[in-house]
């Protein structure tokens, strides 16, 4: 709880934030369609994504089938990927809550 305002969510609440996939240690190039599989409501996700922008050797923006905007991929090692590469990855789906960052005064413009 911050500033005495509860951050608990209720069914039906809309949560705004930036999705990203972290803890990616390996990838495989593929020609498969964009897709994702997330089982048992855990953060683990398997996905096919397409690189749309290289931020640095560890961080990329990617087109995906999870949401209708690019998400960030946070690699654990240098993957040497290029724009247009379509890859299969396994990682952890996470969200950076804008509301939380706003309350801390840290909001960055990641909306794409």
PDB file of N, CA and C in Angstrom:
ATOM      1  N   UNK A   1       0.840  -1.156   0.000  1.00  0.00           N
ATOM      2  CA  UNK A   1       0.000   0.000   0.000  1.00  0.00           C
ATOM      3  C   UNK A   1       0.899   1.236   0.000  1.00  0.00           C
ATOM      4  N   UNK A   2       0.577   2.196  -0.865  1.00  0.00           N
ATOM      5  CA  UNK A   2       1.366   3.413  -0.964  1.00  0.00           C
ATOM      6  C   UNK A   2       0.435   4.609  -0.770  1.00  0.00           C
ATOM      7  N   UNK A   3       0.883   5.602  -0.050  1.00  0.00           N
ATOM      8  CA  UNK A   3       0.079   6.806   0.178  1.00  0.00           C
ATOM      9  C   UNK A   3      -1.299   6.466   0.740  1.00  0.00           C
ATOM     10  N   UNK A   4      -1.392   5.383   1.509  1.00  0.00           N
ATOM     11  CA  UNK A   4      -2.641   4.930   2.112  1.00  0.00           C
ATOM     12  C   UNK A   4      -3.729   4.620   1.094  1.00  0.00           C
ATOM     13  N   UNK A   5      -3.347   4.338  -0.155  1.00  0.00           N
ATOM     14  CA  UNK A   5      -4.296   3.950  -1.189  1.00  0.00           C
ATOM     15  C   UNK A   5      -4.031   2.485  -1.516  1.00  0.00           C
ATOM     16  N   UNK A   6      -5.053   1.650  -1.366  1.00  0.00           N
ATOM     17  CA  UNK A   6      -4.893   0.222  -1.615  1.00  0.00           C
ATOM     18  C   UNK A   6      -4.634  -0.031  -3.088  1.00  0.00           C
ATOM     19  N   UNK A   7      -3.741  -0.990  -3.387  1.00  0.00           N
ATOM     20  CA  UNK A   7      -3.467  -1.383  -4.771  1.00  0.00           C
ATOM     21  C   UNK A   7      -4.120  -2.729  -5.086  1.00  0.00           C
ATOM     22  N   UNK A   8      -5.020  -3.197  -4.213  1.00  0.00           N
ATOM     23  CA  UNK A   8      -5.715  -4.456  -4.472  1.00  0.00           C
ATOM     24  C   UNK A   8      -6.617  -4.289  -5.690  1.00  0.00           C
ATOM     25  N   UNK A   9      -6.744  -5.355  -6.457  1.00  0.00           N
ATOM     26  CA  UNK A   9      -7.577  -5.354  -7.660  1.00  0.00           C
ATOM     27  C   UNK A   9      -8.842  -6.148  -7.413  1.00  0.00           C
ATOM     28  N   UNK A  10      -9.894  -5.759  -8.147  1.00  0.00           N
ATOM     29  CA  UNK A  10     -11.161  -6.486  -8.091  1.00  0.00           C
ATOM     30  C   UNK A  10     -11.428  -7.073  -9.470  1.00  0.00           C
ATOM     31  N   UNK A  11     -12.230  -8.096  -9.545  1.00  0.00           N
ATOM     32  CA  UNK A  11     -12.620  -8.671 -10.816  1.00  0.00           C
ATOM     33  C   UNK A  11     -13.241  -7.570 -11.662  1.00  0.00           C
ATOM     34  N   UNK A  12     -12.796  -7.460 -12.901  1.00  0.00           N
ATOM     35  CA  UNK A  12     -13.319  -6.446 -13.808  1.00  0.00           C
ATOM     36  C   UNK A  12     -12.479  -5.183 -13.873  1.00  0.00           C
ATOM     37  N   UNK A  13     -11.528  -5.008 -12.943  1.00  0.00           N
ATOM     38  CA  UNK A  13     -10.648  -3.837 -12.988  1.00  0.00           C
ATOM     39  C   UNK A  13      -9.800  -3.886 -14.260  1.00  0.00           C
ATOM     40  N   UNK A  14      -9.547  -2.728 -14.825  1.00  0.00           N
ATOM     41  CA  UNK A  14      -8.655  -2.622 -15.977  1.00  0.00           C
ATOM     42  C   UNK A  14      -7.285  -2.234 -15.462  1.00  0.00           C
ATOM     43  N   UNK A  15      -6.288  -3.004 -15.867  1.00  0.00           N
ATOM     44  CA  UNK A  15      -4.917  -2.768 -15.425  1.00  0.00           C
ATOM     45  C   UNK A  15      -4.124  -2.273 -16.629  1.00  0.00           C
ATOM     46  N   UNK A  16      -3.477  -1.120 -16.490  1.00  0.00           N
ATOM     47  CA  UNK A  16      -2.659  -0.583 -17.567  1.00  0.00           C
ATOM     48  C   UNK A  16      -1.190  -0.734 -17.201  1.00  0.00           C
ATOM     49  N   UNK A  17      -0.414  -1.159 -18.171  1.00  0.00           N
ATOM     50  CA  UNK A  17       1.007  -1.324 -17.938  1.00  0.00           C
ATOM     51  C   UNK A  17       1.707  -1.785 -19.190  1.00  0.00           C
ATOM     52  N   UNK A  18       2.951  -2.118 -19.052  1.00  0.00           N
ATOM     53  CA  UNK A  18       3.766  -2.577 -20.168  1.00  0.00           C
ATOM     54  C   UNK A  18       4.137  -4.041 -19.967  1.00  0.00           C
ATOM     55  N   UNK A  19       3.704  -4.878 -20.908  1.00  0.00           N
ATOM     56  CA  UNK A  19       4.062  -6.288 -20.854  1.00  0.00           C
ATOM     57  C   UNK A  19       5.477  -6.484 -21.372  1.00  0.00           C
ATOM     58  N   UNK A  20       6.176  -7.411 -20.754  1.00  0.00           N
ATOM     59  CA  UNK A  20       7.479  -7.798 -21.267  1.00  0.00           C
ATOM     60  C   UNK A  20       7.724  -9.257 -20.929  1.00  0.00           C
ATOM     61  N   UNK A  21       8.605  -9.865 -21.691  1.00  0.00           N
ATOM     62  CA  UNK A  21       9.001 -11.241 -21.434  1.00  0.00           C
ATOM     63  C   UNK A  21      10.458 -11.209 -20.987  1.00  0.00           C
ATOM     64  N   UNK A  22      10.708 -11.723 -19.793  1.00  0.00           N
ATOM     65  CA  UNK A  22      12.042 -11.716 -19.197  1.00  0.00           C
ATOM     66  C   UNK A  22      12.542 -13.150 -19.018  1.00  0.00           C
ATOM     67  N   UNK A  23      13.755 -13.263 -18.540  1.00  0.00           N
ATOM     68  CA  UNK A  23      14.393 -14.565 -18.243  1.00  0.00           C
ATOM     69  C   UNK A  23      14.473 -15.452 -19.487  1.00  0.00           C
ATOM     70  N   UNK A  24      14.724 -14.833 -20.645  1.00  0.00           N
ATOM     71  CA  UNK A  24      14.880 -15.587 -21.894  1.00  0.00           C
ATOM     72  C   UNK A  24      16.358 -15.950 -22.024  1.00  0.00           C
ATOM     73  N   UNK A  25      16.645 -17.251 -22.006  1.00  0.00           N
ATOM     74  CA  UNK A  25      18.040 -17.679 -22.078  1.00  0.00           C
ATOM     75  C   UNK A  25      18.394 -18.310 -23.423  1.00  0.00           C
ATOM     76  N   UNK A  26      17.414 -18.757 -24.171  1.00  0.00           N
ATOM     77  CA  UNK A  26      17.653 -19.376 -25.477  1.00  0.00           C
ATOM     78  C   UNK A  26      16.529 -18.974 -26.432  1.00  0.00           C
ATOM     79  N   UNK A  27      16.788 -19.101 -27.723  1.00  0.00           N
ATOM     80  CA  UNK A  27      15.768 -18.876 -28.736  1.00  0.00           C
ATOM     81  C   UNK A  27      16.037 -19.799 -29.908  1.00  0.00           C
ATOM     82  N   UNK A  28      15.034 -19.929 -30.774  1.00  0.00           N
ATOM     83  CA  UNK A  28      15.180 -20.724 -31.986  1.00  0.00           C
ATOM     84  C   UNK A  28      14.518 -19.956 -33.119  1.00  0.00           C
ATOM     85  N   UNK A  29      15.242 -19.710 -34.204  1.00  0.00           N
ATOM     86  CA  UNK A  29      14.646 -19.036 -35.359  1.00  0.00           C
ATOM     87  C   UNK A  29      13.585 -19.957 -35.959  1.00  0.00           C
ATOM     88  N   UNK A  30      12.490 -19.346 -36.447  1.00  0.00           N
ATOM     89  CA  UNK A  30      11.379 -20.135 -36.966  1.00  0.00           C
ATOM     90  C   UNK A  30      10.616 -19.341 -38.013  1.00  0.00           C
ATOM     91  N   UNK A  31       9.794 -20.027 -38.784  1.00  0.00           N
ATOM     92  CA  UNK A  31       8.881 -19.392 -39.738  1.00  0.00           C
ATOM     93  C   UNK A  31       7.437 -19.566 -39.280  1.00  0.00           C
ATOM     94  N   UNK A  32       7.243 -20.071 -38.071  1.00  0.00           N
ATOM     95  CA  UNK A  32       5.906 -20.312 -37.534  1.00  0.00           C
ATOM     96  C   UNK A  32       5.129 -19.005 -37.382  1.00  0.00           C
ATOM     97  N   UNK A  33       3.800 -19.110 -37.298  1.00  0.00           N
ATOM     98  CA  UNK A  33       2.931 -17.964 -37.048  1.00  0.00           C
ATOM     99  C   UNK A  33       3.164 -17.443 -35.631  1.00  0.00           C
ATOM    100  N   UNK A  34       2.893 -16.151 -35.433  1.00  0.00           N
ATOM    101  CA  UNK A  34       2.966 -15.594 -34.084  1.00  0.00           C
ATOM    102  C   UNK A  34       1.987 -16.343 -33.196  1.00  0.00           C
ATOM    103  N   UNK A  35       2.423 -16.719 -32.003  1.00  0.00           N
ATOM    104  CA  UNK A  35       1.565 -17.466 -31.076  1.00  0.00           C
ATOM    105  C   UNK A  35       2.150 -17.396 -29.687  1.00  0.00           C
ATOM    106  N   UNK A  36       1.344 -17.811 -28.712  1.00  0.00           N
ATOM    107  CA  UNK A  36       1.860 -17.962 -27.350  1.00  0.00           C
ATOM    108  C   UNK A  36       1.059 -19.024 -26.621  1.00  0.00           C
ATOM    109  N   UNK A  37       1.702 -19.644 -25.628  1.00  0.00           N
ATOM    110  CA  UNK A  37       1.054 -20.628 -24.771  1.00  0.00           C
ATOM    111  C   UNK A  37       1.466 -20.299 -23.337  1.00  0.00           C
ATOM    112  N   UNK A  38       0.460 -20.165 -22.492  1.00  0.00           N
ATOM    113  CA  UNK A  38       0.719 -19.931 -21.071  1.00  0.00           C
ATOM    114  C   UNK A  38      -0.204 -20.866 -20.302  1.00  0.00           C
ATOM    115  N   UNK A  39       0.372 -21.787 -19.563  1.00  0.00           N
ATOM    116  CA  UNK A  39      -0.405 -22.809 -18.875  1.00  0.00           C
ATOM    117  C   UNK A  39      -0.554 -22.528 -17.389  1.00  0.00           C
ATOM    118  N   UNK A  40      -1.641 -22.933 -16.829  1.00  0.00           N
ATOM    119  CA  UNK A  40      -1.860 -22.942 -15.379  1.00  0.00           C
ATOM    120  C   UNK A  40      -1.689 -21.596 -14.693  1.00  0.00           C
ATOM    121  N   UNK A  41      -1.898 -20.500 -15.424  1.00  0.00           N
ATOM    122  CA  UNK A  41      -1.874 -19.158 -14.850  1.00  0.00           C
ATOM    123  C   UNK A  41      -0.539 -18.785 -14.191  1.00  0.00           C
ATOM    124  N   UNK A  42       0.544 -19.429 -14.595  1.00  0.00           N
ATOM    125  CA  UNK A  42       1.870 -19.070 -14.112  1.00  0.00           C
ATOM    126  C   UNK A  42       2.477 -18.072 -15.077  1.00  0.00           C
ATOM    127  N   UNK A  43       3.578 -17.469 -14.696  1.00  0.00           N
ATOM    128  CA  UNK A  43       4.199 -16.458 -15.553  1.00  0.00           C
ATOM    129  C   UNK A  43       4.956 -17.066 -16.734  1.00  0.00           C
ATOM    130  N   UNK A  44       5.277 -18.357 -16.678  1.00  0.00           N
ATOM    131  CA  UNK A  44       6.023 -18.985 -17.780  1.00  0.00           C
ATOM    132  C   UNK A  44       5.214 -18.890 -19.070  1.00  0.00           C
ATOM    133  N   UNK A  45       5.902 -18.520 -20.142  1.00  0.00           N
ATOM    134  CA  UNK A  45       5.247 -18.387 -21.441  1.00  0.00           C
ATOM    135  C   UNK A  45       6.166 -18.910 -22.531  1.00  0.00           C
ATOM    136  N   UNK A  46       5.583 -19.597 -23.498  1.00  0.00           N
ATOM    137  CA  UNK A  46       6.270 -20.008 -24.717  1.00  0.00           C
ATOM    138  C   UNK A  46       5.634 -19.179 -25.829  1.00  0.00           C
ATOM    139  N   UNK A  47       6.451 -18.586 -26.702  1.00  0.00           N
ATOM    140  CA  UNK A  47       5.882 -17.697 -27.715  1.00  0.00           C
ATOM    141  C   UNK A  47       6.733 -17.657 -28.971  1.00  0.00           C
ATOM    142  N   UNK A  48       6.068 -17.354 -30.078  1.00  0.00           N
ATOM    143  CA  UNK A  48       6.747 -17.008 -31.319  1.00  0.00           C
ATOM    144  C   UNK A  48       6.491 -15.524 -31.521  1.00  0.00           C
ATOM    145  N   UNK A  49       7.562 -14.756 -31.645  1.00  0.00           N
ATOM    146  CA  UNK A  49       7.482 -13.304 -31.793  1.00  0.00           C
ATOM    147  C   UNK A  49       8.370 -12.864 -32.955  1.00  0.00           C
ATOM    148  N   UNK A  50       8.163 -11.631 -33.411  1.00  0.00           N
ATOM    149  CA  UNK A  50       8.983 -11.085 -34.492  1.00  0.00           C
ATOM    150  C   UNK A  50       9.646  -9.794 -34.018  1.00  0.00           C
ATOM    151  N   UNK A  51      10.954  -9.731 -34.138  1.00  0.00           N
ATOM    152  CA  UNK A  51      11.712  -8.559 -33.693  1.00  0.00           C
ATOM    153  C   UNK A  51      11.346  -7.355 -34.561  1.00  0.00           C
ATOM    154  N   UNK A  52      10.941  -6.248 -33.906  1.00  0.00           N
ATOM    155  CA  UNK A  52      10.602  -5.025 -34.639  1.00  0.00           C
ATOM    156  C   UNK A  52      11.624  -3.918 -34.411  1.00  0.00           C
ATOM    157  N   UNK A  53      12.367  -4.014 -33.311  1.00  0.00           N
ATOM    158  CA  UNK A  53      13.383  -3.002 -33.036  1.00  0.00           C
ATOM    159  C   UNK A  53      14.434  -3.571 -32.087  1.00  0.00           C
ATOM    160  N   UNK A  54      15.684  -3.278 -32.380  1.00  0.00           N
ATOM    161  CA  UNK A  54      16.787  -3.677 -31.512  1.00  0.00           C
ATOM    162  C   UNK A  54      17.138  -2.476 -30.634  1.00  0.00           C
ATOM    163  N   UNK A  55      16.999  -2.632 -29.316  1.00  0.00           N
ATOM    164  CA  UNK A  55      17.359  -1.566 -28.389  1.00  0.00           C
ATOM    165  C   UNK A  55      18.839  -1.692 -28.034  1.00  0.00           C
ATOM    166  N   UNK A  56      19.255  -2.887 -27.674  1.00  0.00           N
ATOM    167  CA  UNK A  56      20.667  -3.229 -27.475  1.00  0.00           C
ATOM    168  C   UNK A  56      20.782  -4.741 -27.598  1.00  0.00           C
ATOM    169  N   UNK A  57      21.951  -5.300 -27.333  1.00  0.00           N
ATOM    170  CA  UNK A  57      22.137  -6.743 -27.553  1.00  0.00           C
ATOM    171  C   UNK A  57      21.335  -7.635 -26.619  1.00  0.00           C
ATOM    172  N   UNK A  58      20.731  -7.045 -25.570  1.00  0.00           N
ATOM    173  CA  UNK A  58      19.935  -7.814 -24.611  1.00  0.00           C
ATOM    174  C   UNK A  58      18.446  -7.475 -24.639  1.00  0.00           C
ATOM    175  N   UNK A  59      18.072  -6.370 -25.284  1.00  0.00           N
ATOM    176  CA  UNK A  59      16.708  -5.860 -25.204  1.00  0.00           C
ATOM    177  C   UNK A  59      16.155  -5.550 -26.587  1.00  0.00           C
ATOM    178  N   UNK A  60      14.926  -6.015 -26.830  1.00  0.00           N
ATOM    179  CA  UNK A  60      14.296  -5.876 -28.142  1.00  0.00           C
ATOM    180  C   UNK A  60      12.816  -5.543 -27.968  1.00  0.00           C
ATOM    181  N   UNK A  61      12.246  -4.873 -28.980  1.00  0.00           N
ATOM    182  CA  UNK A  61      10.790  -4.777 -29.095  1.00  0.00           C
ATOM    183  C   UNK A  61      10.370  -5.873 -30.055  1.00  0.00           C
ATOM    184  N   UNK A  62       9.182  -6.487 -29.797  1.00  0.00           N
ATOM    185  CA  UNK A  62       8.734  -7.580 -30.648  1.00  0.00           C
ATOM    186  C   UNK A  62       7.231  -7.536 -30.881  1.00  0.00           C
ATOM    187  N   UNK A  63       6.852  -7.805 -32.123  1.00  0.00           N
ATOM    188  CA  UNK A  63       5.455  -8.014 -32.497  1.00  0.00           C
ATOM    189  C   UNK A  63       5.064  -9.371 -31.936  1.00  0.00           C
ATOM    190  N   UNK A  64       3.815  -9.496 -31.475  1.00  0.00           N
ATOM    191  CA  UNK A  64       3.407 -10.718 -30.783  1.00  0.00           C
ATOM    192  C   UNK A  64       1.924 -10.949 -30.970  1.00  0.00           C
ATOM    193  N   UNK A  65       1.424 -12.056 -30.462  1.00  0.00           N
ATOM    194  CA  UNK A  65      -0.013 -12.344 -30.524  1.00  0.00           C
ATOM    195  C   UNK A  65      -0.676 -12.210 -29.152  1.00  0.00           C
ATOM    196  N   UNK A  66       0.036 -11.649 -28.182  1.00  0.00           N
ATOM    197  CA  UNK A  66      -0.502 -11.491 -26.832  1.00  0.00           C
ATOM    198  C   UNK A  66      -1.333 -10.221 -26.742  1.00  0.00           C
ATOM    199  N   UNK A  67      -0.781  -9.110 -27.212  1.00  0.00           N
ATOM    200  CA  UNK A  67      -1.464  -7.812 -27.223  1.00  0.00           C
ATOM    201  C   UNK A  67      -1.228  -7.154 -28.574  1.00  0.00           C
ATOM    202  N   UNK A  68      -1.973  -6.085 -28.845  1.00  0.00           N
ATOM    203  CA  UNK A  68      -1.878  -5.449 -30.160  1.00  0.00           C
ATOM    204  C   UNK A  68      -0.854  -4.321 -30.223  1.00  0.00           C
ATOM    205  N   UNK A  69       0.164  -4.394 -29.396  1.00  0.00           N
ATOM    206  CA  UNK A  69       1.302  -3.477 -29.492  1.00  0.00           C
ATOM    207  C   UNK A  69       2.568  -4.267 -29.187  1.00  0.00           C
ATOM    208  N   UNK A  70       3.695  -3.700 -29.571  1.00  0.00           N
ATOM    209  CA  UNK A  70       4.964  -4.398 -29.336  1.00  0.00           C
ATOM    210  C   UNK A  70       5.215  -4.573 -27.840  1.00  0.00           C
ATOM    211  N   UNK A  71       5.877  -5.666 -27.507  1.00  0.00           N
ATOM    212  CA  UNK A  71       6.296  -5.890 -26.125  1.00  0.00           C
ATOM    213  C   UNK A  71       7.819  -5.924 -26.081  1.00  0.00           C
ATOM    214  N   UNK A  72       8.344  -5.777 -24.889  1.00  0.00           N
ATOM    215  CA  UNK A  72       9.790  -5.812 -24.706  1.00  0.00           C
ATOM    216  C   UNK A  72      10.242  -7.235 -24.390  1.00  0.00           C
ATOM    217  N   UNK A  73      11.340  -7.634 -25.006  1.00  0.00           N
ATOM    218  CA  UNK A  73      11.989  -8.908 -24.687  1.00  0.00           C
ATOM    219  C   UNK A  73      13.266  -8.577 -23.940  1.00  0.00           C
ATOM    220  N   UNK A  74      13.446  -9.186 -22.785  1.00  0.00           N
ATOM    221  CA  UNK A  74      14.625  -8.951 -21.955  1.00  0.00           C
ATOM    222  C   UNK A  74      15.429 -10.247 -21.909  1.00  0.00           C
ATOM    223  N   UNK A  75      16.487 -10.302 -22.722  1.00  0.00           N
ATOM    224  CA  UNK A  75      17.308 -11.507 -22.840  1.00  0.00           C
ATOM    225  C   UNK A  75      18.335 -11.569 -21.717  1.00  0.00           C
ATOM    226  N   UNK A  76      18.720 -12.772 -21.349  1.00  0.00           N
ATOM    227  CA  UNK A  76      19.717 -12.970 -20.301  1.00  0.00           C
ATOM    228  C   UNK A  76      21.148 -12.963 -20.835  1.00  0.00           C
ATOM    229  N   UNK A  77      21.296 -13.014 -22.161  1.00  0.00           N
ATOM    230  CA  UNK A  77      22.621 -12.949 -22.768  1.00  0.00           C
ATOM    231  C   UNK A  77      22.477 -12.368 -24.168  1.00  0.00           C
ATOM    232  N   UNK A  78      23.578 -11.981 -24.766  1.00  0.00           N
ATOM    233  CA  UNK A  78      23.586 -11.403 -26.107  1.00  0.00           C
ATOM    234  C   UNK A  78      23.043 -12.430 -27.100  1.00  0.00           C
ATOM    235  N   UNK A  79      21.953 -12.084 -27.796  1.00  0.00           N
ATOM    236  CA  UNK A  79      21.321 -13.023 -28.721  1.00  0.00           C
ATOM    237  C   UNK A  79      21.587 -12.692 -30.188  1.00  0.00           C
ATOM    238  N   UNK A  80      22.171 -11.515 -30.474  1.00  0.00           N
ATOM    239  CA  UNK A  80      22.512 -11.116 -31.838  1.00  0.00           C
ATOM    240  C   UNK A  80      21.339 -11.276 -32.806  1.00  0.00           C
ATOM    241  N   UNK A  81      20.214 -10.669 -32.474  1.00  0.00           N
ATOM    242  CA  UNK A  81      19.024 -10.720 -33.317  1.00  0.00           C
ATOM    243  C   UNK A  81      18.911  -9.442 -34.135  1.00  0.00           C
ATOM    244  N   UNK A  82      18.179  -9.532 -35.251  1.00  0.00           N
ATOM    245  CA  UNK A  82      17.991  -8.391 -36.132  1.00  0.00           C
ATOM    246  C   UNK A  82      16.494  -8.150 -36.370  1.00  0.00           C
ATOM    247  N   UNK A  83      16.174  -6.925 -36.759  1.00  0.00           N
ATOM    248  CA  UNK A  83      14.793  -6.580 -37.092  1.00  0.00           C
ATOM    249  C   UNK A  83      14.287  -7.544 -38.157  1.00  0.00           C
ATOM    250  N   UNK A  84      13.078  -8.077 -37.939  1.00  0.00           N
ATOM    251  CA  UNK A  84      12.478  -9.027 -38.871  1.00  0.00           C
ATOM    252  C   UNK A  84      12.687 -10.479 -38.494  1.00  0.00           C
ATOM    253  N   UNK A  85      13.632 -10.773 -37.584  1.00  0.00           N
ATOM    254  CA  UNK A  85      13.826 -12.156 -37.130  1.00  0.00           C
ATOM    255  C   UNK A  85      12.565 -12.636 -36.416  1.00  0.00           C
ATOM    256  N   UNK A  86      12.113 -13.813 -36.769  1.00  0.00           N
ATOM    257  CA  UNK A  86      10.985 -14.446 -36.073  1.00  0.00           C
ATOM    258  C   UNK A  86      11.565 -15.584 -35.258  1.00  0.00           C
ATOM    259  N   UNK A  87      11.258 -15.582 -33.949  1.00  0.00           N
ATOM    260  CA  UNK A  87      11.905 -16.531 -33.056  1.00  0.00           C
ATOM    261  C   UNK A  87      10.900 -17.172 -32.102  1.00  0.00           C
ATOM    262  N   UNK A  88      11.227 -18.394 -31.685  1.00  0.00           N
ATOM    263  CA  UNK A  88      10.500 -19.090 -30.624  1.00  0.00           C
ATOM    264  C   UNK A  88      11.293 -18.871 -29.339  1.00  0.00           C
ATOM    265  N   UNK A  89      10.598 -18.441 -28.278  1.00  0.00           N
ATOM    266  CA  UNK A  89      11.260 -18.185 -27.000  1.00  0.00           C
ATOM    267  C   UNK A  89      10.472 -18.811 -25.853  1.00  0.00           C
ATOM    268  N   UNK A  90      11.146 -19.018 -24.747  1.00  0.00           N
ATOM    269  CA  UNK A  90      10.523 -19.424 -23.494  1.00  0.00           C
ATOM    270  C   UNK A  90      11.007 -18.442 -22.448  1.00  0.00           C
ATOM    271  N   UNK A  91      10.080 -17.907 -21.651  1.00  0.00           N
ATOM    272  CA  UNK A  91      10.467 -16.928 -20.643  1.00  0.00           C
ATOM    273  C   UNK A  91       9.382 -16.719 -19.610  1.00  0.00           C
ATOM    274  N   UNK A  92       9.430 -15.569 -18.974  1.00  0.00           N
ATOM    275  CA  UNK A  92       8.478 -15.218 -17.920  1.00  0.00           C
ATOM    276  C   UNK A  92       7.732 -13.949 -18.337  1.00  0.00           C
ATOM    277  N   UNK A  93       6.402 -14.063 -18.501  1.00  0.00           N
ATOM    278  CA  UNK A  93       5.570 -12.919 -18.864  1.00  0.00           C
ATOM    279  C   UNK A  93       5.351 -12.057 -17.633  1.00  0.00           C
ATOM    280  N   UNK A  94       5.678 -10.772 -17.748  1.00  0.00           N
ATOM    281  CA  UNK A  94       5.567  -9.866 -16.611  1.00  0.00           C
ATOM    282  C   UNK A  94       4.924  -8.564 -17.059  1.00  0.00           C
ATOM    283  N   UNK A  95       4.462  -7.785 -16.098  1.00  0.00           N
ATOM    284  CA  UNK A  95       3.872  -6.483 -16.403  1.00  0.00           C
ATOM    285  C   UNK A  95       4.475  -5.436 -15.483  1.00  0.00           C
ATOM    286  N   UNK A  96       4.782  -4.296 -16.073  1.00  0.00           N
ATOM    287  CA  UNK A  96       5.236  -3.146 -15.313  1.00  0.00           C
ATOM    288  C   UNK A  96       4.022  -2.231 -15.208  1.00  0.00           C
ATOM    289  N   UNK A  97       3.473  -2.097 -14.024  1.00  0.00           N
ATOM    290  CA  UNK A  97       2.250  -1.331 -13.828  1.00  0.00           C
ATOM    291  C   UNK A  97       2.523   0.166 -13.876  1.00  0.00           C
ATOM    292  N   UNK A  98       1.844   0.854 -14.787  1.00  0.00           N
ATOM    293  CA  UNK A  98       2.005   2.297 -14.905  1.00  0.00           C
ATOM    294  C   UNK A  98       1.549   3.005 -13.640  1.00  0.00           C
ATOM    295  N   UNK A  99       0.459   2.514 -13.046  1.00  0.00           N
ATOM    296  CA  UNK A  99      -0.084   3.127 -11.830  1.00  0.00           C
ATOM    297  C   UNK A  99       0.960   3.115 -10.712  1.00  0.00           C
ATOM    298  N   UNK A 100       1.660   1.998 -10.583  1.00  0.00           N
ATOM    299  CA  UNK A 100       2.660   1.861  -9.528  1.00  0.00           C
ATOM    300  C   UNK A 100       3.820   2.818  -9.774  1.00  0.00           C
ATOM    301  N   UNK A 101       4.313   2.853 -11.026  1.00  0.00           N
ATOM    302  CA  UNK A 101       5.430   3.732 -11.346  1.00  0.00           C
ATOM    303  C   UNK A 101       5.024   5.200 -11.203  1.00  0.00           C
ATOM    304  N   UNK A 102       3.780   5.506 -11.590  1.00  0.00           N
ATOM    305  CA  UNK A 102       3.296   6.880 -11.477  1.00  0.00           C
ATOM    306  C   UNK A 102       3.308   7.331 -10.020  1.00  0.00           C
ATOM    307  N   UNK A 103       2.892   6.450  -9.133  1.00  0.00           N
ATOM    308  CA  UNK A 103       2.882   6.784  -7.708  1.00  0.00           C
ATOM    309  C   UNK A 103       4.290   6.997  -7.176  1.00  0.00           C
ATOM    310  N   UNK A 104       5.251   6.326  -7.781  1.00  0.00           N
ATOM    311  CA  UNK A 104       6.643   6.488  -7.348  1.00  0.00           C
ATOM    312  C   UNK A 104       7.347   7.614  -8.109  1.00  0.00           C
ATOM    313  N   UNK A 105       6.644   8.202  -9.084  1.00  0.00           N
ATOM    314  CA  UNK A 105       7.243   9.263  -9.883  1.00  0.00           C
ATOM    315  C   UNK A 105       8.244   8.760 -10.903  1.00  0.00           C
ATOM    316  N   UNK A 106       8.061   7.519 -11.368  1.00  0.00           N
ATOM    317  CA  UNK A 106       9.024   6.908 -12.273  1.00  0.00           C
ATOM    318  C   UNK A 106       8.456   6.606 -13.663  1.00  0.00           C
ATOM    319  N   UNK A 107       7.255   7.093 -13.979  1.00  0.00           N
ATOM    320  CA  UNK A 107       6.581   6.714 -15.213  1.00  0.00           C
ATOM    321  C   UNK A 107       7.408   7.088 -16.438  1.00  0.00           C
ATOM    322  N   UNK A 108       7.668   6.109 -17.293  1.00  0.00           N
ATOM    323  CA  UNK A 108       8.371   6.324 -18.553  1.00  0.00           C
ATOM    324  C   UNK A 108       7.380   6.099 -19.679  1.00  0.00           C
ATOM    325  N   UNK A 109       7.614   6.692 -20.814  1.00  0.00           N
ATOM    326  CA  UNK A 109       6.708   6.531 -21.936  1.00  0.00           C
ATOM    327  C   UNK A 109       7.132   5.321 -22.761  1.00  0.00           C
ATOM    328  N   UNK A 110       6.616   4.149 -22.405  1.00  0.00           N
ATOM    329  CA  UNK A 110       6.909   2.914 -23.132  1.00  0.00           C
ATOM    330  C   UNK A 110       5.785   2.581 -24.093  1.00  0.00           C
ATOM    331  N   UNK A 111       4.738   3.375 -24.133  1.00  0.00           N
ATOM    332  CA  UNK A 111       3.596   3.062 -25.002  1.00  0.00           C
ATOM    333  C   UNK A 111       4.031   3.164 -26.448  1.00  0.00           C
ATOM    334  N   UNK A 112       3.746   2.125 -27.201  1.00  0.00           N
ATOM    335  CA  UNK A 112       4.112   2.080 -28.618  1.00  0.00           C
ATOM    336  C   UNK A 112       2.914   1.693 -29.423  1.00  0.00           C
TER     337      UNK A 112
END
